[in-house]
Amino acid sequence: MMMRPFTLGVCALACAVGSASAAEKKYGPGVTDTEIKLGQTMPYSGPASAYGVLGTVELAYFKRLNAKGGINGRKVNLISLDDGYSPPKTVEQTRKLVEDEGVLAIYGTIGTPTNSAIHKYLNSKKVPQILISTGADKWNDPKNYPWTMALYPSYTMEGRIYGKYILQTKPNAKIAILSQNDDAGRDYVRGFKEGLGDKAKSMVVAETTYEVTDPTVDSQIIKLKASGADTMFNMSTPKFGAQAIKKVYELGWKPTTLLVSVASSIAGVLEPAGLEASQGVITAVSAKSVGDPLWNDDPVMKEFVSFMKEIGQEGKLTDAGAVTGYISAIMMHKLLEACGDDLTRENLMKKVASIDEPTLPMLLPGIGVKTTPTNFSAFHTLRLQRFEGKGYVLFGDPITD
């Protein structure tokens, strides 16, 4: 009879210890003691296949991280599926990742039309759609879409910076605009005109758009040249950005060219267009450019170059997408690490809503990443650079919008 209270005490103690252990570890879908499962879709094929390098770099980053022990003893299993930059395919592949694979989060998916196709679905399922690679304004809406956040400068903000630059340096410019006919294109153009202010109506002399399914933009460029414009705002994705630069050069047209960051890659756009044709192109940037002599002795640049060689992607060193993927993987690594043993979708989004990184490897000095529960826009400052010779050269001071 005397043993009974003692037995009950032991049981109570065991239960308390068990409860404490359970409280220490909280797992959402896709998480175990040994694994964190993430999903994404990438355009490894199709009209935007140049962006596939982001997925290649992100996969390699986590593979290397796993070889070193992973995150808090857990290996990151990133499942990266091809969507061909086709929204219906994105929906199909994302459903597979969420419903069949049971991933913790959808991470890093590229593109405005592709992410738009899964936006409502993922929020209705309360699945994080995070660090996506698109700068459309719609991703910064934590009140209505609390599960979505992008890791890319706002297209509208970038557009405003170009507009302000032209207003200050060429106040009498005659401007022609080429843009993709989607949310990304409209955000960029709206921001650009906001930057021009009241003078937008008189300065913009021609506008035309293209569809992502168009074979070329040659006819659009011919139309823009005929307007007599001396300045061009080129809002396009890599394939069409290269075509536009090349056609402008072939026509003997020499406008001041503002090229949006999503199409600013040397390897993915300027080299295919022709380096001679690309001279003088101006773009806004948040990250360091490989090949810029300014970073020759920079330890961070040396580490990135070493990483790219290690994963067999030395040929993509000057591809801006490779740098974007690298920064994204580091940010995802930090978020998962910050979650500790509370690897639930809810806690992951809490960390997403409170990022405060004054800098990250490969970001330019003065540019950091910061979010709050009411503002998921991660970037607030950019710099301008001009293509000269075989690389970009920064000019001017950091510009905060």
Protein backbone atom coordinates (compact mmCIF):
# COMPACT_ATOMS: atom_id res chain seq x y z
CA MET A 1 0.00 0.00 0.00
CA MET A 2 2.93 2.31 0.78
CA MET A 3 4.22 1.91 -2.77
CA ARG A 4 1.15 3.32 -4.44
CA PRO A 5 1.78 7.04 -3.78
CA PHE A 6 5.40 6.58 -4.89
CA THR A 7 4.27 4.85 -8.10
CA LEU A 8 1.81 7.61 -8.83
CA GLY A 9 4.55 10.17 -8.21
CA VAL A 10 6.87 8.48 -10.67
CA CYS A 11 4.10 8.37 -13.28
CA ALA A 12 3.36 12.04 -12.70
CA LEU A 13 7.05 12.90 -13.05
CA ALA A 14 7.37 10.83 -16.22
CA CYS A 15 4.30 12.49 -17.70
CA ALA A 16 5.65 15.92 -16.80
CA VAL A 17 9.01 15.16 -18.43
CA GLY A 18 7.21 13.78 -21.50
CA SER A 19 5.09 16.92 -21.73
CA ALA A 20 8.16 19.13 -21.42
CA SER A 21 9.88 17.19 -24.22
CA ALA A 22 6.82 17.50 -26.40
CA ALA A 23 6.68 21.21 -25.68
CA GLU A 24 10.29 21.61 -26.73
CA LYS A 25 9.65 20.17 -30.20
CA LYS A 26 6.76 21.31 -32.34
CA TYR A 27 6.65 19.99 -35.88
CA GLY A 28 4.50 20.94 -38.82
CA PRO A 29 4.07 18.93 -42.03
CA GLY A 30 7.32 17.82 -43.62
CA VAL A 31 9.37 17.96 -40.42
CA THR A 32 10.87 15.15 -38.33
CA ASP A 33 13.84 14.86 -35.99
CA THR A 34 16.03 14.31 -39.03
CA GLU A 35 14.40 16.17 -41.94
CA ILE A 36 12.87 19.48 -43.04
CA LYS A 37 11.02 19.10 -46.32
CA LEU A 38 10.58 22.17 -48.55
CA GLY A 39 9.10 22.49 -52.04
CA GLN A 40 9.39 24.85 -54.98
CA THR A 41 8.75 25.05 -58.71
CA MET A 42 11.31 26.42 -61.15
CA PRO A 43 11.32 27.17 -64.90
CA TYR A 44 13.96 24.61 -65.79
CA SER A 45 12.35 24.57 -69.24
CA GLY A 46 10.23 27.01 -71.26
CA PRO A 47 10.52 30.73 -72.08
CA ALA A 48 12.02 31.71 -68.73
CA SER A 49 14.45 28.81 -68.39
CA ALA A 50 17.32 31.25 -67.78
CA TYR A 51 15.91 31.63 -64.27
CA GLY A 52 16.43 27.92 -63.59
CA VAL A 53 19.90 28.72 -62.25
CA LEU A 54 18.26 29.93 -59.02
CA GLY A 55 16.93 26.45 -58.30
CA THR A 56 20.24 24.87 -59.25
CA VAL A 57 22.12 27.09 -56.80
CA GLU A 58 19.57 26.66 -54.00
CA LEU A 59 19.63 22.88 -54.32
CA ALA A 60 23.43 22.88 -54.25
CA TYR A 61 23.52 25.17 -51.22
CA PHE A 62 21.34 22.85 -49.14
CA LYS A 63 23.16 19.78 -50.39
CA ARG A 64 26.41 21.28 -49.13
CA LEU A 65 24.75 22.34 -45.87
CA ASN A 66 23.40 18.82 -45.34
CA ALA A 67 26.88 17.39 -45.84
CA LYS A 68 27.97 19.57 -42.93
CA GLY A 69 25.18 18.32 -40.66
CA GLY A 70 22.17 20.34 -41.80
CA ILE A 71 20.24 22.68 -39.51
CA ASN A 72 20.09 21.74 -35.85
CA GLY A 73 20.76 18.13 -36.87
CA ARG A 74 18.07 18.04 -39.56
CA LYS A 75 18.75 17.66 -43.27
CA VAL A 76 16.94 20.06 -45.60
CA ASN A 77 15.15 18.14 -48.35
CA LEU A 78 14.35 20.72 -51.04
CA ILE A 79 12.10 19.23 -53.73
CA SER A 80 12.44 21.39 -56.84
CA LEU A 81 10.05 20.64 -59.71
CA ASP A 82 9.95 22.05 -63.25
CA ASP A 83 6.90 24.17 -64.09
CA GLY A 84 8.13 25.50 -67.46
CA TYR A 85 6.98 28.98 -66.33
CA SER A 86 3.44 27.81 -67.12
CA PRO A 87 0.88 28.77 -64.41
CA PRO A 88 -1.28 25.62 -64.91
CA LYS A 89 1.84 23.48 -64.49
CA THR A 90 2.80 25.50 -61.41
CA VAL A 91 -0.59 24.70 -59.87
CA GLU A 92 -0.23 21.00 -60.68
CA GLN A 93 3.30 20.73 -59.28
CA THR A 94 2.53 22.81 -56.19
CA ARG A 95 -0.48 20.66 -55.32
CA LYS A 96 1.77 17.64 -55.61
CA LEU A 97 4.28 19.21 -53.22
CA VAL A 98 1.63 20.20 -50.66
CA GLU A 99 -0.78 17.26 -50.84
CA ASP A 100 1.47 14.35 -51.82
CA GLU A 101 4.89 15.34 -50.46
CA GLY A 102 3.51 17.24 -47.44
CA VAL A 103 6.16 19.97 -47.47
CA LEU A 104 6.54 22.45 -44.62
CA ALA A 105 6.57 25.39 -47.02
CA ILE A 106 6.74 26.46 -50.64
CA TYR A 107 10.01 28.33 -50.94
CA GLY A 108 11.60 30.46 -53.65
CA THR A 109 9.19 29.77 -56.54
CA ILE A 110 9.99 32.13 -59.43
CA GLY A 111 7.69 34.42 -61.38
CA THR A 112 4.69 36.70 -60.98
CA PRO A 113 2.23 34.70 -63.15
CA THR A 114 3.32 31.39 -61.64
CA ASN A 115 3.09 32.56 -58.04
CA SER A 116 -0.21 34.30 -58.77
CA ALA A 117 -1.66 30.95 -59.85
CA ILE A 118 -0.97 29.39 -56.43
CA HIS A 119 -1.40 32.48 -54.26
CA LYS A 120 -4.98 31.92 -53.02
CA TYR A 121 -4.57 28.14 -52.84
CA LEU A 122 -1.56 28.27 -50.52
CA ASN A 123 -3.10 30.94 -48.30
CA SER A 124 -6.35 28.98 -48.01
CA LYS A 125 -4.29 25.94 -46.95
CA LYS A 126 -2.16 28.09 -44.61
CA VAL A 127 1.01 26.94 -46.32
CA PRO A 128 3.92 29.41 -46.27
CA GLN A 129 4.71 30.79 -49.75
CA ILE A 130 7.97 32.47 -48.83
CA LEU A 131 11.08 34.11 -50.23
CA ILE A 132 9.46 33.88 -53.64
CA SER A 133 11.46 35.44 -56.45
CA THR A 134 9.21 38.19 -57.80
CA GLY A 135 8.83 41.82 -56.84
CA ALA A 136 5.15 42.40 -57.63
CA ASP A 137 3.41 44.63 -55.07
CA LYS A 138 0.69 42.04 -54.46
CA TRP A 139 3.05 39.91 -52.33
CA ASN A 140 3.21 42.60 -49.65
CA ASP A 141 -0.30 42.13 -48.27
CA PRO A 142 0.06 40.46 -44.85
CA LYS A 143 -3.48 41.45 -43.85
CA ASN A 144 -5.21 39.55 -46.66
CA TYR A 145 -2.46 37.07 -47.60
CA PRO A 146 -0.52 36.42 -44.39
CA TRP A 147 1.23 33.31 -45.75
CA THR A 148 2.98 34.98 -48.71
CA MET A 149 6.26 36.94 -48.73
CA ALA A 150 8.80 37.77 -51.46
CA LEU A 151 12.56 38.18 -51.28
CA TYR A 152 12.96 40.57 -54.18
CA PRO A 153 12.93 44.37 -54.41
CA SER A 154 9.51 45.79 -55.23
CA TYR A 155 9.09 46.31 -58.97
CA THR A 156 7.22 49.55 -58.30
CA MET A 157 10.02 50.82 -56.07
CA GLU A 158 12.63 49.91 -58.68
CA GLY A 159 10.58 51.61 -61.39
CA ARG A 160 10.32 54.81 -59.33
CA ILE A 161 14.10 54.88 -58.91
CA TYR A 162 14.58 54.76 -62.70
CA GLY A 163 11.98 57.47 -63.20
CA LYS A 164 13.62 59.77 -60.66
CA TYR A 165 17.02 59.17 -62.25
CA ILE A 166 15.80 60.14 -65.73
CA LEU A 167 13.94 63.17 -64.36
CA GLN A 168 17.16 64.38 -62.73
CA THR A 169 19.59 63.61 -65.57
CA LYS A 170 17.47 63.91 -68.76
CA PRO A 171 14.46 66.09 -67.89
CA ASN A 172 13.62 66.53 -71.59
CA ALA A 173 13.95 62.85 -72.51
CA LYS A 174 11.63 61.23 -75.03
CA ILE A 175 10.89 57.83 -73.54
CA ALA A 176 9.81 54.55 -75.12
CA ILE A 177 8.57 51.71 -72.89
CA LEU A 178 8.66 47.97 -73.54
CA SER A 179 6.98 45.78 -70.91
CA GLN A 180 5.65 42.29 -70.34
CA ASN A 181 1.85 42.18 -70.35
CA ASP A 182 1.33 40.94 -66.79
CA ASP A 183 1.29 42.17 -63.19
CA ALA A 184 5.07 42.49 -63.10
CA GLY A 185 5.13 44.67 -66.20
CA ARG A 186 2.31 46.85 -64.96
CA ASP A 187 3.96 47.32 -61.53
CA TYR A 188 7.26 48.33 -63.11
CA VAL A 189 5.65 50.79 -65.54
CA ARG A 190 3.43 52.31 -62.86
CA GLY A 191 6.45 52.86 -60.61
CA PHE A 192 8.50 54.33 -63.48
CA LYS A 193 5.77 56.85 -64.28
CA GLU A 194 5.38 57.71 -60.60
CA GLY A 195 9.11 58.49 -60.56
CA LEU A 196 8.66 60.82 -63.55
CA GLY A 197 5.83 62.55 -61.75
CA ASP A 198 3.74 65.14 -63.59
CA LYS A 199 6.10 65.01 -66.58
CA ALA A 200 5.32 61.36 -67.36
CA LYS A 201 2.59 62.22 -69.87
CA SER A 202 4.82 64.50 -71.90
CA MET A 203 8.04 62.47 -71.61
CA VAL A 204 6.64 59.04 -72.55
CA VAL A 205 6.19 59.10 -76.35
CA ALA A 206 5.60 55.38 -77.02
CA GLU A 207 4.56 52.22 -75.15
CA THR A 208 4.18 48.62 -76.23
CA THR A 209 3.88 45.23 -74.54
CA TYR A 210 4.64 41.61 -75.36
CA GLU A 211 3.29 38.25 -74.24
CA VAL A 212 5.54 35.66 -72.66
CA THR A 213 4.48 33.28 -75.46
CA ASP A 214 5.64 35.66 -78.23
CA PRO A 215 8.57 34.30 -80.28
CA THR A 216 10.36 37.68 -80.43
CA VAL A 217 9.93 41.37 -79.61
CA ASP A 218 11.49 42.58 -82.88
CA SER A 219 8.29 44.23 -84.12
CA GLN A 220 7.82 46.01 -80.79
CA ILE A 221 11.35 47.45 -80.92
CA ILE A 222 10.87 48.66 -84.50
CA LYS A 223 7.68 50.43 -83.40
CA LEU A 224 9.41 52.07 -80.43
CA LYS A 225 12.35 53.30 -82.52
CA ALA A 226 9.94 54.92 -84.98
CA SER A 227 8.62 57.11 -82.16
CA GLY A 228 11.81 59.14 -82.12
CA ALA A 229 12.54 58.25 -78.49
CA ASP A 230 16.04 58.84 -77.13
CA THR A 231 15.49 56.83 -73.93
CA MET A 232 14.16 53.31 -73.44
CA PHE A 233 12.69 51.65 -70.37
CA ASN A 234 13.14 47.93 -71.01
CA MET A 235 10.92 45.87 -68.71
CA SER A 236 11.35 42.28 -69.82
CA THR A 237 12.44 38.84 -68.69
CA PRO A 238 15.85 37.45 -69.81
CA LYS A 239 14.93 35.96 -73.21
CA PHE A 240 13.12 39.09 -74.35
CA GLY A 241 15.57 41.44 -72.68
CA ALA A 242 18.39 39.95 -74.77
CA GLN A 243 16.28 40.13 -77.94
CA ALA A 244 15.40 43.78 -77.30
CA ILE A 245 18.99 44.90 -76.67
CA LYS A 246 20.20 43.06 -79.75
CA LYS A 247 17.47 44.49 -82.00
CA VAL A 248 18.06 48.03 -80.75
CA TYR A 249 21.73 47.66 -81.68
CA GLU A 250 20.96 46.13 -85.10
CA LEU A 251 18.67 49.06 -85.93
CA GLY A 252 21.41 51.55 -85.11
CA TRP A 253 19.20 53.09 -82.42
CA LYS A 254 21.18 54.46 -79.48
CA PRO A 255 18.77 55.33 -76.67
CA THR A 256 19.77 55.62 -73.03
CA THR A 257 18.59 52.18 -71.88
CA LEU A 258 17.20 51.39 -68.44
CA LEU A 259 17.05 47.62 -68.00
CA VAL A 260 15.07 46.16 -65.10
CA SER A 261 16.94 44.00 -62.61
CA VAL A 262 15.07 40.80 -63.53
CA ALA A 263 16.76 40.94 -66.96
CA SER A 264 20.13 42.41 -65.97
CA SER A 265 22.19 39.21 -65.87
CA ILE A 266 25.44 39.41 -67.81
CA ALA A 267 25.55 35.69 -68.59
CA GLY A 268 21.80 35.28 -69.07
CA VAL A 269 21.02 38.46 -71.03
CA LEU A 270 23.90 40.76 -71.99
CA GLU A 271 26.22 38.10 -73.39
CA PRO A 272 23.45 36.54 -75.56
CA ALA A 273 22.53 40.06 -76.73
CA GLY A 274 26.18 40.86 -77.45
CA LEU A 275 28.53 42.77 -75.16
CA GLU A 276 29.00 45.54 -77.72
CA ALA A 277 25.24 45.96 -77.99
CA SER A 278 24.95 46.10 -74.19
CA GLN A 279 27.38 48.93 -73.53
CA GLY A 280 25.91 51.70 -71.38
CA VAL A 281 22.87 49.75 -70.16
CA ILE A 282 21.79 51.00 -66.72
CA THR A 283 20.11 48.84 -64.09
CA ALA A 284 19.26 48.96 -60.37
CA VAL A 285 20.77 46.39 -58.08
CA SER A 286 20.82 45.18 -54.48
CA ALA A 287 23.64 42.64 -54.81
CA LYS A 288 27.30 42.65 -55.77
CA SER A 289 28.11 41.86 -59.39
CA VAL A 290 30.67 39.19 -60.18
CA GLY A 291 33.39 40.72 -62.34
CA ASP A 292 33.15 44.19 -60.83
CA PRO A 293 36.81 45.01 -59.91
CA LEU A 294 35.49 46.70 -56.77
CA TRP A 295 34.99 43.26 -55.20
CA ASN A 296 38.20 41.54 -56.36
CA ASP A 297 39.56 41.28 -52.81
CA ASP A 298 36.22 40.90 -51.06
CA PRO A 299 36.14 37.74 -48.87
CA VAL A 300 32.40 37.30 -49.45
CA MET A 301 32.87 37.43 -53.23
CA LYS A 302 35.72 34.94 -52.99
CA GLU A 303 33.51 32.57 -51.01
CA PHE A 304 30.72 32.85 -53.60
CA VAL A 305 33.13 32.18 -56.47
CA SER A 306 34.56 29.20 -54.58
CA PHE A 307 31.04 27.85 -53.98
CA MET A 308 30.09 28.16 -57.65
CA LYS A 309 33.24 26.34 -58.72
CA GLU A 310 32.64 23.66 -56.09
CA ILE A 311 29.15 22.91 -57.45
CA GLY A 312 30.29 22.89 -61.08
CA GLN A 313 28.55 26.14 -62.02
CA GLU A 314 31.58 28.29 -62.79
CA GLY A 315 30.05 29.10 -66.19
CA LYS A 316 27.15 30.83 -64.40
CA LEU A 317 29.32 33.09 -62.23
CA THR A 318 28.17 36.26 -63.97
CA ASP A 319 24.53 35.21 -63.96
CA ALA A 320 22.64 37.51 -61.57
CA GLY A 321 20.22 34.66 -60.92
CA ALA A 322 22.99 32.64 -59.32
CA VAL A 323 23.63 35.45 -56.83
CA THR A 324 19.89 35.79 -56.16
CA GLY A 325 19.60 32.06 -55.47
CA TYR A 326 22.62 32.15 -53.18
CA ILE A 327 21.22 35.03 -51.10
CA SER A 328 17.81 33.35 -50.98
CA ALA A 329 19.25 30.06 -49.74
CA ILE A 330 21.20 31.84 -47.01
CA MET A 331 18.04 33.66 -45.89
CA MET A 332 16.04 30.41 -45.85
CA HIS A 333 18.83 28.79 -43.84
CA LYS A 334 18.66 31.63 -41.28
CA LEU A 335 14.86 31.40 -40.98
CA LEU A 336 14.89 27.65 -40.37
CA GLU A 337 17.73 28.00 -37.89
CA ALA A 338 15.81 30.72 -36.04
CA CYS A 339 12.80 28.39 -35.69
CA GLY A 340 14.85 26.04 -33.53
CA ASP A 341 12.67 23.05 -32.60
CA ASP A 342 9.42 24.92 -33.23
CA LEU A 343 9.25 23.99 -36.90
CA THR A 344 5.60 24.70 -37.52
CA ARG A 345 4.18 26.70 -40.40
CA GLU A 346 2.88 29.30 -37.94
CA ASN A 347 6.26 29.84 -36.27
CA LEU A 348 8.04 29.97 -39.61
CA MET A 349 5.75 32.83 -40.66
CA LYS A 350 6.46 34.63 -37.37
CA LYS A 351 10.14 34.55 -38.26
CA VAL A 352 9.36 35.70 -41.82
CA ALA A 353 7.49 38.69 -40.39
CA SER A 354 10.40 39.80 -38.21
CA ILE A 355 13.50 39.61 -40.42
CA ASP A 356 16.14 42.17 -39.51
CA GLU A 357 19.37 41.56 -41.39
CA PRO A 358 21.47 44.74 -41.85
CA THR A 359 23.39 42.79 -44.48
CA LEU A 360 23.61 39.33 -46.05
CA PRO A 361 26.46 37.73 -48.00
CA MET A 362 26.60 39.23 -51.54
CA LEU A 363 24.33 42.19 -50.77
CA LEU A 364 25.85 45.61 -51.45
CA PRO A 365 27.04 47.74 -48.52
CA GLY A 366 24.16 49.75 -47.15
CA ILE A 367 21.52 47.29 -48.31
CA GLY A 368 19.82 44.96 -45.86
CA VAL A 369 16.64 42.92 -45.48
CA LYS A 370 13.92 43.89 -43.02
CA THR A 371 10.26 42.93 -42.54
CA THR A 372 7.58 43.61 -39.94
CA PRO A 373 4.19 42.00 -39.28
CA THR A 374 2.55 44.80 -41.29
CA ASN A 375 5.17 45.16 -44.04
CA PHE A 376 6.51 42.07 -45.83
CA SER A 377 8.50 44.10 -48.40
CA ALA A 378 12.07 43.04 -47.65
CA PHE A 379 14.14 45.57 -49.61
CA HIS A 380 13.99 49.35 -49.28
CA THR A 381 17.25 50.52 -50.88
CA LEU A 382 18.91 49.97 -54.28
CA ARG A 383 21.92 51.25 -56.23
CA LEU A 384 22.40 52.04 -59.92
CA GLN A 385 25.08 50.49 -62.10
CA ARG A 386 26.12 50.84 -65.74
CA PHE A 387 27.49 48.12 -68.04
CA GLU A 388 30.97 49.04 -69.24
CA GLY A 389 33.37 46.74 -71.06
CA LYS A 390 32.66 43.28 -69.69
CA GLY A 391 31.01 44.15 -66.40
CA TYR A 392 28.86 46.54 -64.39
CA VAL A 393 30.22 49.60 -62.62
CA LEU A 394 28.32 51.13 -59.70
CA PHE A 395 27.65 54.85 -59.71
CA GLY A 396 25.94 57.25 -57.36
CA ASP A 397 24.88 56.66 -53.75
CA PRO A 398 22.43 54.08 -52.38
CA ILE A 399 18.86 55.22 -53.16
CA THR A 400 16.15 54.61 -50.57
CA ASP A 401 12.63 54.84 -51.92
